[in-house]
Amino acid sequence: MYDQIYVARRRLLLRAGAVVSLGLITGCTTSNLLSPDGGTGSDQTDSTLGHVNALRKGRGLSNLTGDRAASVAAMHQAARMASAGKMRHNIGWRDSFYDRMKGQGVALPAAENIAVGQDDAESAYEAWFNSPKHLENMLGNYRGLGVAVAQNSASGNRPYWAMVLCS
């Protein structure tokens, strides 16, 4: 009798585990990766690409193209910063730029520019242009680009910007 109860409970737990796993998988596949949790955001790649390509053309460099994985990674980073209320590349003690990019399918090597407070894509681009390290990234040996902005009420709805450049 004890064996039958044990087997019945084990089967029930296995079925419940399968249902929960299926629910988690389904939830992951239907989420919109360009919509930040707990805030608002938008893909600003098209609004920024012309500025970056004009800069690159003036220096004899090839044009970049919009890259979906880079856009998703940029939205993820902008939303993380907006949620935390911090303009930082790494948020949390185990955070790693390399792991984030690799985990989001961004072609490596890659670079990331961040900013906070700019009202539009042109202003964010100007801030990056006027920063030597960010300018160096925009002139780097990359092929793809993604740019996003996110706001979150947790950080006073300030706009947090992220640009991801990828190979």
N, C-alpha and C. Protein backbone atom coordinates (compact mmCIF):
# COMPACT_ATOMS: atom_id res chain seq x y z
N MET A 1 0.82 -1.18 0.00
CA MET A 1 0.00 0.00 0.00
C MET A 1 0.88 1.26 0.00
N TYR A 2 1.91 1.28 0.84
CA TYR A 2 2.81 2.42 0.90
C TYR A 2 3.46 2.66 -0.45
N ASP A 3 3.89 1.61 -1.14
CA ASP A 3 4.52 1.72 -2.45
C ASP A 3 3.58 2.34 -3.47
N GLN A 4 2.29 1.98 -3.41
CA GLN A 4 1.32 2.54 -4.36
C GLN A 4 1.12 4.04 -4.13
N ILE A 5 1.07 4.44 -2.86
CA ILE A 5 0.92 5.87 -2.54
C ILE A 5 2.16 6.63 -3.01
N TYR A 6 3.33 6.06 -2.77
CA TYR A 6 4.58 6.69 -3.18
C TYR A 6 4.63 6.88 -4.70
N VAL A 7 4.29 5.84 -5.44
CA VAL A 7 4.30 5.89 -6.90
C VAL A 7 3.27 6.91 -7.40
N ALA A 8 2.09 6.93 -6.81
CA ALA A 8 1.05 7.87 -7.23
C ALA A 8 1.51 9.31 -6.97
N ARG A 9 2.11 9.58 -5.83
CA ARG A 9 2.59 10.93 -5.52
C ARG A 9 3.73 11.34 -6.46
N ARG A 10 4.60 10.40 -6.74
CA ARG A 10 5.71 10.70 -7.65
C ARG A 10 5.21 11.05 -9.04
N ARG A 11 4.22 10.29 -9.53
CA ARG A 11 3.64 10.58 -10.84
C ARG A 11 2.98 11.95 -10.85
N LEU A 12 2.28 12.28 -9.78
CA LEU A 12 1.62 13.57 -9.68
C LEU A 12 2.65 14.71 -9.70
N LEU A 13 3.73 14.54 -8.97
CA LEU A 13 4.78 15.57 -8.95
C LEU A 13 5.44 15.71 -10.32
N LEU A 14 5.68 14.60 -10.99
CA LEU A 14 6.28 14.67 -12.32
C LEU A 14 5.36 15.37 -13.31
N ARG A 15 4.07 15.07 -13.25
CA ARG A 15 3.11 15.74 -14.13
C ARG A 15 3.05 17.24 -13.83
N ALA A 16 3.01 17.58 -12.55
CA ALA A 16 2.96 18.99 -12.17
C ALA A 16 4.22 19.72 -12.65
N GLY A 17 5.36 19.07 -12.50
CA GLY A 17 6.61 19.66 -12.97
C GLY A 17 6.60 19.88 -14.48
N ALA A 18 6.04 18.95 -15.22
CA ALA A 18 5.96 19.09 -16.66
C ALA A 18 5.05 20.24 -17.05
N VAL A 19 3.93 20.38 -16.36
CA VAL A 19 2.99 21.47 -16.65
C VAL A 19 3.65 22.82 -16.35
N VAL A 20 4.32 22.93 -15.21
CA VAL A 20 4.99 24.18 -14.86
C VAL A 20 6.09 24.51 -15.88
N SER A 21 6.88 23.51 -16.26
CA SER A 21 7.94 23.73 -17.24
C SER A 21 7.38 24.19 -18.57
N LEU A 22 6.31 23.57 -19.02
CA LEU A 22 5.68 23.95 -20.27
C LEU A 22 5.18 25.39 -20.19
N GLY A 23 4.59 25.76 -19.07
CA GLY A 23 4.12 27.12 -18.87
C GLY A 23 5.25 28.13 -18.94
N LEU A 24 6.39 27.80 -18.33
CA LEU A 24 7.53 28.71 -18.36
C LEU A 24 8.09 28.85 -19.77
N ILE A 25 8.18 27.74 -20.48
CA ILE A 25 8.69 27.78 -21.86
C ILE A 25 7.76 28.61 -22.73
N THR A 26 6.46 28.38 -22.61
CA THR A 26 5.50 29.13 -23.40
C THR A 26 5.58 30.61 -23.09
N GLY A 27 5.69 30.95 -21.81
CA GLY A 27 5.80 32.36 -21.42
C GLY A 27 7.04 33.01 -22.00
N CYS A 28 8.13 32.30 -22.08
CA CYS A 28 9.36 32.86 -22.63
C CYS A 28 9.25 33.10 -24.12
N THR A 29 8.60 32.22 -24.83
CA THR A 29 8.57 32.35 -26.27
C THR A 29 7.57 33.38 -26.76
N THR A 30 6.66 33.81 -25.90
CA THR A 30 5.67 34.78 -26.35
C THR A 30 5.98 36.19 -25.88
N SER A 31 7.05 36.39 -25.12
CA SER A 31 7.35 37.73 -24.63
C SER A 31 7.97 38.57 -25.75
N ASN A 32 7.69 39.87 -25.70
CA ASN A 32 8.27 40.80 -26.65
C ASN A 32 9.57 41.32 -26.07
N LEU A 33 10.69 40.92 -26.64
CA LEU A 33 11.98 41.29 -26.08
C LEU A 33 12.30 42.77 -26.21
N LEU A 34 11.53 43.49 -27.02
CA LEU A 34 11.77 44.92 -27.15
C LEU A 34 10.84 45.73 -26.27
N SER A 35 10.15 45.10 -25.34
CA SER A 35 9.30 45.80 -24.38
C SER A 35 9.85 45.55 -22.98
N PRO A 36 10.41 46.58 -22.35
CA PRO A 36 10.99 46.37 -21.02
C PRO A 36 9.92 46.11 -19.97
N ASP A 37 10.24 45.26 -19.00
CA ASP A 37 9.33 45.00 -17.88
C ASP A 37 9.29 46.22 -16.96
N GLY A 38 8.11 46.58 -16.51
CA GLY A 38 7.97 47.62 -15.51
C GLY A 38 8.27 49.02 -15.99
N GLY A 39 8.29 49.25 -17.28
CA GLY A 39 8.57 50.58 -17.79
C GLY A 39 8.19 50.68 -19.25
N THR A 40 8.66 51.72 -19.89
CA THR A 40 8.42 51.90 -21.31
C THR A 40 9.75 52.01 -22.02
N GLY A 41 9.76 51.70 -23.28
CA GLY A 41 10.99 51.81 -24.04
C GLY A 41 10.70 51.73 -25.52
N SER A 42 11.70 52.08 -26.30
CA SER A 42 11.53 51.97 -27.74
C SER A 42 12.87 51.76 -28.42
N ASP A 43 12.79 51.08 -29.55
CA ASP A 43 13.96 50.85 -30.39
C ASP A 43 14.25 52.15 -31.14
N GLN A 44 15.45 52.66 -30.98
CA GLN A 44 15.85 53.92 -31.61
C GLN A 44 16.94 53.72 -32.64
N THR A 45 17.08 52.49 -33.12
CA THR A 45 18.14 52.18 -34.09
C THR A 45 17.99 53.03 -35.35
N ASP A 46 16.79 53.06 -35.93
CA ASP A 46 16.59 53.82 -37.16
C ASP A 46 16.87 55.30 -36.97
N SER A 47 16.55 55.83 -35.80
CA SER A 47 16.76 57.25 -35.52
C SER A 47 18.23 57.60 -35.33
N THR A 48 19.06 56.61 -35.05
CA THR A 48 20.47 56.84 -34.75
C THR A 48 21.40 56.41 -35.88
N LEU A 49 20.97 55.44 -36.65
CA LEU A 49 21.81 54.83 -37.67
C LEU A 49 22.34 55.84 -38.68
N GLY A 50 21.49 56.79 -39.12
CA GLY A 50 21.93 57.80 -40.08
C GLY A 50 23.05 58.66 -39.55
N HIS A 51 22.96 59.05 -38.28
CA HIS A 51 24.02 59.87 -37.66
C HIS A 51 25.34 59.10 -37.60
N VAL A 52 25.25 57.85 -37.15
CA VAL A 52 26.46 57.04 -37.02
C VAL A 52 27.08 56.78 -38.39
N ASN A 53 26.25 56.47 -39.38
CA ASN A 53 26.79 56.20 -40.71
C ASN A 53 27.37 57.44 -41.38
N ALA A 54 26.80 58.61 -41.14
CA ALA A 54 27.38 59.86 -41.66
C ALA A 54 28.75 60.09 -41.05
N LEU A 55 28.87 59.85 -39.75
CA LEU A 55 30.15 59.97 -39.06
C LEU A 55 31.17 59.01 -39.67
N ARG A 56 30.76 57.77 -39.83
CA ARG A 56 31.67 56.74 -40.36
C ARG A 56 32.07 57.05 -41.80
N LYS A 57 31.12 57.51 -42.61
CA LYS A 57 31.41 57.84 -44.01
C LYS A 57 32.45 58.96 -44.09
N GLY A 58 32.32 59.96 -43.22
CA GLY A 58 33.27 61.06 -43.18
C GLY A 58 34.68 60.62 -42.81
N ARG A 59 34.80 59.47 -42.22
CA ARG A 59 36.12 58.92 -41.83
C ARG A 59 36.54 57.78 -42.76
N GLY A 60 35.80 57.59 -43.86
CA GLY A 60 36.15 56.55 -44.83
C GLY A 60 35.84 55.14 -44.37
N LEU A 61 34.89 54.99 -43.44
CA LEU A 61 34.53 53.67 -42.92
C LEU A 61 33.22 53.19 -43.54
N SER A 62 33.02 51.89 -43.50
CA SER A 62 31.80 51.30 -44.05
C SER A 62 30.59 51.59 -43.16
N ASN A 63 29.41 51.56 -43.79
CA ASN A 63 28.16 51.77 -43.06
C ASN A 63 27.85 50.59 -42.16
N LEU A 64 27.14 50.87 -41.09
CA LEU A 64 26.59 49.84 -40.22
C LEU A 64 25.16 49.56 -40.67
N THR A 65 24.64 48.42 -40.28
CA THR A 65 23.24 48.09 -40.54
C THR A 65 22.56 47.80 -39.21
N GLY A 66 21.25 47.96 -39.18
CA GLY A 66 20.50 47.62 -37.98
C GLY A 66 20.61 46.13 -37.72
N ASP A 67 20.79 45.77 -36.48
CA ASP A 67 20.95 44.36 -36.10
C ASP A 67 19.93 44.03 -35.01
N ARG A 68 19.09 43.04 -35.27
CA ARG A 68 18.01 42.68 -34.33
C ARG A 68 18.57 42.28 -32.96
N ALA A 69 19.57 41.42 -32.93
CA ALA A 69 20.13 40.98 -31.64
C ALA A 69 20.73 42.17 -30.88
N ALA A 70 21.39 43.06 -31.59
CA ALA A 70 21.96 44.25 -30.94
C ALA A 70 20.85 45.15 -30.40
N SER A 71 19.74 45.27 -31.13
CA SER A 71 18.60 46.07 -30.66
C SER A 71 17.99 45.48 -29.39
N VAL A 72 17.85 44.16 -29.37
CA VAL A 72 17.31 43.49 -28.18
C VAL A 72 18.26 43.69 -26.99
N ALA A 73 19.56 43.54 -27.23
CA ALA A 73 20.55 43.73 -26.17
C ALA A 73 20.55 45.18 -25.67
N ALA A 74 20.39 46.13 -26.58
CA ALA A 74 20.34 47.54 -26.19
C ALA A 74 19.10 47.81 -25.34
N MET A 75 17.96 47.25 -25.75
CA MET A 75 16.73 47.44 -24.96
C MET A 75 16.88 46.82 -23.58
N HIS A 76 17.46 45.64 -23.55
CA HIS A 76 17.68 44.97 -22.27
C HIS A 76 18.53 45.84 -21.34
N GLN A 77 19.62 46.39 -21.87
CA GLN A 77 20.51 47.21 -21.04
C GLN A 77 19.84 48.51 -20.62
N ALA A 78 19.15 49.18 -21.55
CA ALA A 78 18.47 50.43 -21.21
C ALA A 78 17.42 50.18 -20.12
N ALA A 79 16.67 49.09 -20.25
CA ALA A 79 15.63 48.76 -19.27
C ALA A 79 16.25 48.42 -17.91
N ARG A 80 17.38 47.72 -17.91
CA ARG A 80 18.06 47.39 -16.65
C ARG A 80 18.51 48.66 -15.94
N MET A 81 19.08 49.58 -16.69
CA MET A 81 19.54 50.83 -16.09
C MET A 81 18.36 51.64 -15.56
N ALA A 82 17.29 51.73 -16.36
CA ALA A 82 16.11 52.49 -15.95
C ALA A 82 15.49 51.89 -14.69
N SER A 83 15.46 50.59 -14.62
CA SER A 83 14.89 49.92 -13.45
C SER A 83 15.75 50.16 -12.20
N ALA A 84 17.06 50.12 -12.38
CA ALA A 84 17.98 50.31 -11.26
C ALA A 84 18.22 51.79 -10.94
N GLY A 85 17.91 52.67 -11.89
CA GLY A 85 18.19 54.08 -11.70
C GLY A 85 19.68 54.39 -11.71
N LYS A 86 20.45 53.59 -12.47
CA LYS A 86 21.90 53.73 -12.52
C LYS A 86 22.38 53.62 -13.95
N MET A 87 23.25 54.54 -14.36
CA MET A 87 23.88 54.44 -15.67
C MET A 87 25.20 53.69 -15.50
N ARG A 88 25.13 52.41 -15.70
CA ARG A 88 26.31 51.54 -15.54
C ARG A 88 26.24 50.42 -16.56
N HIS A 89 27.41 50.01 -17.04
CA HIS A 89 27.46 48.86 -17.94
C HIS A 89 27.14 47.58 -17.18
N ASN A 90 27.68 47.46 -16.00
CA ASN A 90 27.47 46.27 -15.19
C ASN A 90 26.64 46.63 -13.96
N ILE A 91 25.52 45.95 -13.82
CA ILE A 91 24.62 46.18 -12.69
C ILE A 91 24.52 44.86 -11.93
N GLY A 92 25.02 44.85 -10.73
CA GLY A 92 25.04 43.62 -9.95
C GLY A 92 26.42 43.02 -9.92
N TRP A 93 26.71 42.31 -8.89
CA TRP A 93 28.07 41.81 -8.67
C TRP A 93 28.47 40.68 -9.59
N ARG A 94 27.54 40.00 -10.24
CA ARG A 94 27.90 38.91 -11.15
C ARG A 94 27.67 39.27 -12.61
N ASP A 95 27.41 40.52 -12.89
CA ASP A 95 27.10 40.97 -14.24
C ASP A 95 28.36 40.94 -15.10
N SER A 96 28.19 40.57 -16.35
CA SER A 96 29.30 40.50 -17.29
C SER A 96 28.81 40.92 -18.67
N PHE A 97 29.46 41.92 -19.25
CA PHE A 97 29.11 42.37 -20.60
C PHE A 97 29.21 41.21 -21.59
N TYR A 98 30.30 40.47 -21.53
CA TYR A 98 30.50 39.35 -22.45
C TYR A 98 29.37 38.33 -22.33
N ASP A 99 29.01 37.95 -21.12
CA ASP A 99 27.94 36.97 -20.93
C ASP A 99 26.60 37.50 -21.41
N ARG A 100 26.33 38.79 -21.18
CA ARG A 100 25.07 39.38 -21.66
C ARG A 100 25.00 39.34 -23.18
N MET A 101 26.07 39.75 -23.84
CA MET A 101 26.07 39.78 -25.30
C MET A 101 25.96 38.37 -25.88
N LYS A 102 26.75 37.47 -25.35
CA LYS A 102 26.72 36.09 -25.83
C LYS A 102 25.35 35.46 -25.60
N GLY A 103 24.77 35.70 -24.43
CA GLY A 103 23.47 35.13 -24.10
C GLY A 103 22.33 35.69 -24.95
N GLN A 104 22.52 36.88 -25.52
CA GLN A 104 21.48 37.49 -26.35
C GLN A 104 21.75 37.34 -27.84
N GLY A 105 22.75 36.53 -28.17
CA GLY A 105 23.03 36.24 -29.57
C GLY A 105 23.70 37.36 -30.34
N VAL A 106 24.34 38.28 -29.65
CA VAL A 106 25.03 39.38 -30.31
C VAL A 106 26.37 38.87 -30.85
N ALA A 107 26.65 39.18 -32.13
CA ALA A 107 27.91 38.76 -32.75
C ALA A 107 29.07 39.49 -32.08
N LEU A 108 30.05 38.73 -31.64
CA LEU A 108 31.21 39.29 -30.96
C LEU A 108 32.39 39.42 -31.92
N PRO A 109 33.30 40.35 -31.70
CA PRO A 109 33.33 41.29 -30.59
C PRO A 109 32.23 42.34 -30.71
N ALA A 110 31.93 42.95 -29.57
CA ALA A 110 30.87 43.95 -29.51
C ALA A 110 31.30 45.07 -28.56
N ALA A 111 30.58 46.18 -28.63
CA ALA A 111 30.83 47.31 -27.74
C ALA A 111 29.47 47.88 -27.33
N GLU A 112 29.49 48.64 -26.23
CA GLU A 112 28.25 49.22 -25.71
C GLU A 112 28.50 50.66 -25.28
N ASN A 113 27.65 51.55 -25.75
CA ASN A 113 27.63 52.94 -25.30
C ASN A 113 26.36 53.14 -24.48
N ILE A 114 26.46 53.88 -23.38
CA ILE A 114 25.29 54.16 -22.55
C ILE A 114 25.22 55.66 -22.25
N ALA A 115 24.02 56.13 -21.97
CA ALA A 115 23.81 57.54 -21.64
C ALA A 115 22.52 57.65 -20.82
N VAL A 116 22.33 58.79 -20.19
CA VAL A 116 21.11 59.04 -19.43
C VAL A 116 20.73 60.51 -19.52
N GLY A 117 19.43 60.75 -19.64
CA GLY A 117 18.91 62.10 -19.57
C GLY A 117 18.62 62.78 -20.90
N GLN A 118 19.09 62.24 -22.00
CA GLN A 118 18.85 62.88 -23.30
C GLN A 118 17.40 62.66 -23.73
N ASP A 119 16.82 63.71 -24.32
CA ASP A 119 15.41 63.66 -24.69
C ASP A 119 15.13 62.94 -26.01
N ASP A 120 16.14 62.81 -26.87
CA ASP A 120 15.91 62.16 -28.16
C ASP A 120 17.19 61.48 -28.65
N ALA A 121 17.04 60.72 -29.72
CA ALA A 121 18.16 59.94 -30.25
C ALA A 121 19.31 60.83 -30.71
N GLU A 122 18.99 61.96 -31.31
CA GLU A 122 20.05 62.86 -31.77
C GLU A 122 20.88 63.38 -30.60
N SER A 123 20.23 63.71 -29.50
CA SER A 123 20.95 64.19 -28.31
C SER A 123 21.81 63.08 -27.70
N ALA A 124 21.31 61.86 -27.70
CA ALA A 124 22.11 60.74 -27.19
C ALA A 124 23.33 60.53 -28.09
N TYR A 125 23.11 60.58 -29.40
CA TYR A 125 24.23 60.44 -30.35
C TYR A 125 25.27 61.53 -30.09
N GLU A 126 24.83 62.78 -29.90
CA GLU A 126 25.76 63.89 -29.65
C GLU A 126 26.57 63.65 -28.38
N ALA A 127 25.94 63.13 -27.35
CA ALA A 127 26.66 62.83 -26.11
C ALA A 127 27.75 61.78 -26.37
N TRP A 128 27.42 60.75 -27.14
CA TRP A 128 28.41 59.72 -27.47
C TRP A 128 29.50 60.27 -28.37
N PHE A 129 29.13 61.12 -29.33
CA PHE A 129 30.10 61.73 -30.23
C PHE A 129 31.12 62.55 -29.45
N ASN A 130 30.67 63.26 -28.43
CA ASN A 130 31.54 64.13 -27.64
C ASN A 130 32.34 63.41 -26.56
N SER A 131 32.19 62.10 -26.48
CA SER A 131 32.94 61.30 -25.51
C SER A 131 33.97 60.47 -26.28
N PRO A 132 35.26 60.67 -26.03
CA PRO A 132 36.29 59.96 -26.82
C PRO A 132 36.12 58.44 -26.86
N LYS A 133 35.82 57.81 -25.75
CA LYS A 133 35.68 56.34 -25.75
C LYS A 133 34.44 55.90 -26.53
N HIS A 134 33.33 56.63 -26.37
CA HIS A 134 32.12 56.28 -27.10
C HIS A 134 32.29 56.53 -28.60
N LEU A 135 32.99 57.62 -28.94
CA LEU A 135 33.29 57.91 -30.34
C LEU A 135 34.14 56.80 -30.93
N GLU A 136 35.13 56.35 -30.18
CA GLU A 136 35.98 55.24 -30.64
C GLU A 136 35.14 53.99 -30.93
N ASN A 137 34.16 53.71 -30.08
CA ASN A 137 33.28 52.56 -30.33
C ASN A 137 32.50 52.74 -31.63
N MET A 138 31.95 53.93 -31.86
CA MET A 138 31.16 54.16 -33.08
C MET A 138 32.01 54.09 -34.33
N LEU A 139 33.31 54.31 -34.21
CA LEU A 139 34.22 54.24 -35.35
C LEU A 139 34.92 52.89 -35.44
N GLY A 140 34.56 51.96 -34.58
CA GLY A 140 35.22 50.67 -34.52
C GLY A 140 34.88 49.75 -35.68
N ASN A 141 35.52 48.62 -35.69
CA ASN A 141 35.37 47.63 -36.76
C ASN A 141 34.13 46.77 -36.49
N TYR A 142 32.97 47.37 -36.68
CA TYR A 142 31.70 46.68 -36.43
C TYR A 142 30.85 46.72 -37.69
N ARG A 143 29.85 45.87 -37.73
CA ARG A 143 28.92 45.82 -38.87
C ARG A 143 27.49 46.14 -38.49
N GLY A 144 27.11 45.85 -37.24
CA GLY A 144 25.72 46.00 -36.82
C GLY A 144 25.56 46.97 -35.68
N LEU A 145 24.31 47.45 -35.52
CA LEU A 145 24.02 48.46 -34.51
C LEU A 145 22.60 48.25 -33.99
N GLY A 146 22.43 48.48 -32.70
CA GLY A 146 21.12 48.53 -32.08
C GLY A 146 21.12 49.62 -31.03
N VAL A 147 20.06 50.42 -30.97
CA VAL A 147 19.97 51.52 -30.01
C VAL A 147 18.58 51.49 -29.41
N ALA A 148 18.49 51.71 -28.10
CA ALA A 148 17.19 51.72 -27.43
C ALA A 148 17.21 52.74 -26.29
N VAL A 149 16.01 53.16 -25.93
CA VAL A 149 15.83 54.04 -24.77
C VAL A 149 14.73 53.43 -23.91
N ALA A 150 14.88 53.56 -22.60
CA ALA A 150 13.86 53.03 -21.68
C ALA A 150 13.69 53.99 -20.52
N GLN A 151 12.47 54.03 -20.00
CA GLN A 151 12.15 54.80 -18.81
C GLN A 151 11.42 53.89 -17.84
N ASN A 152 11.55 54.20 -16.56
CA ASN A 152 10.88 53.41 -15.54
C ASN A 152 10.49 54.36 -14.41
N SER A 153 9.28 54.18 -13.90
CA SER A 153 8.84 55.05 -12.80
C SER A 153 9.73 54.90 -11.57
N ALA A 154 10.38 53.75 -11.42
CA ALA A 154 11.27 53.52 -10.28
C ALA A 154 12.45 54.50 -10.28
N SER A 155 12.80 55.02 -11.47
CA SER A 155 13.92 55.97 -11.56
C SER A 155 13.44 57.33 -12.06
N GLY A 156 12.20 57.68 -11.77
CA GLY A 156 11.68 58.99 -12.13
C GLY A 156 11.43 59.18 -13.61
N ASN A 157 11.31 58.09 -14.35
CA ASN A 157 11.06 58.12 -15.80
C ASN A 157 12.12 58.87 -16.59
N ARG A 158 13.34 58.92 -16.07
CA ARG A 158 14.46 59.50 -16.83
C ARG A 158 14.78 58.57 -17.98
N PRO A 159 15.12 59.10 -19.15
CA PRO A 159 15.47 58.24 -20.28
C PRO A 159 16.89 57.68 -20.13
N TYR A 160 17.00 56.36 -20.20
CA TYR A 160 18.28 55.66 -20.18
C TYR A 160 18.50 55.08 -21.58
N TRP A 161 19.67 55.36 -22.14
CA TRP A 161 20.00 54.98 -23.51
C TRP A 161 21.08 53.92 -23.54
N ALA A 162 20.98 53.03 -24.52
CA ALA A 162 22.04 52.04 -24.76
C ALA A 162 22.20 51.84 -26.25
N MET A 163 23.45 51.77 -26.67
CA MET A 163 23.83 51.45 -28.05
C MET A 163 24.71 50.22 -28.01
N VAL A 164 24.39 49.23 -28.82
CA VAL A 164 25.23 48.04 -28.93
C VAL A 164 25.72 47.95 -30.36
N LEU A 165 27.04 47.85 -30.51
CA LEU A 165 27.67 47.67 -31.81
C LEU A 165 28.21 46.25 -31.86
N CYS A 166 28.05 45.60 -33.01
CA CYS A 166 28.46 44.20 -33.08
C CYS A 166 29.10 43.87 -34.42
N SER A 167 29.81 42.77 -34.43
CA SER A 167 30.51 42.30 -35.62
C SER A 167 29.60 41.60 -36.60
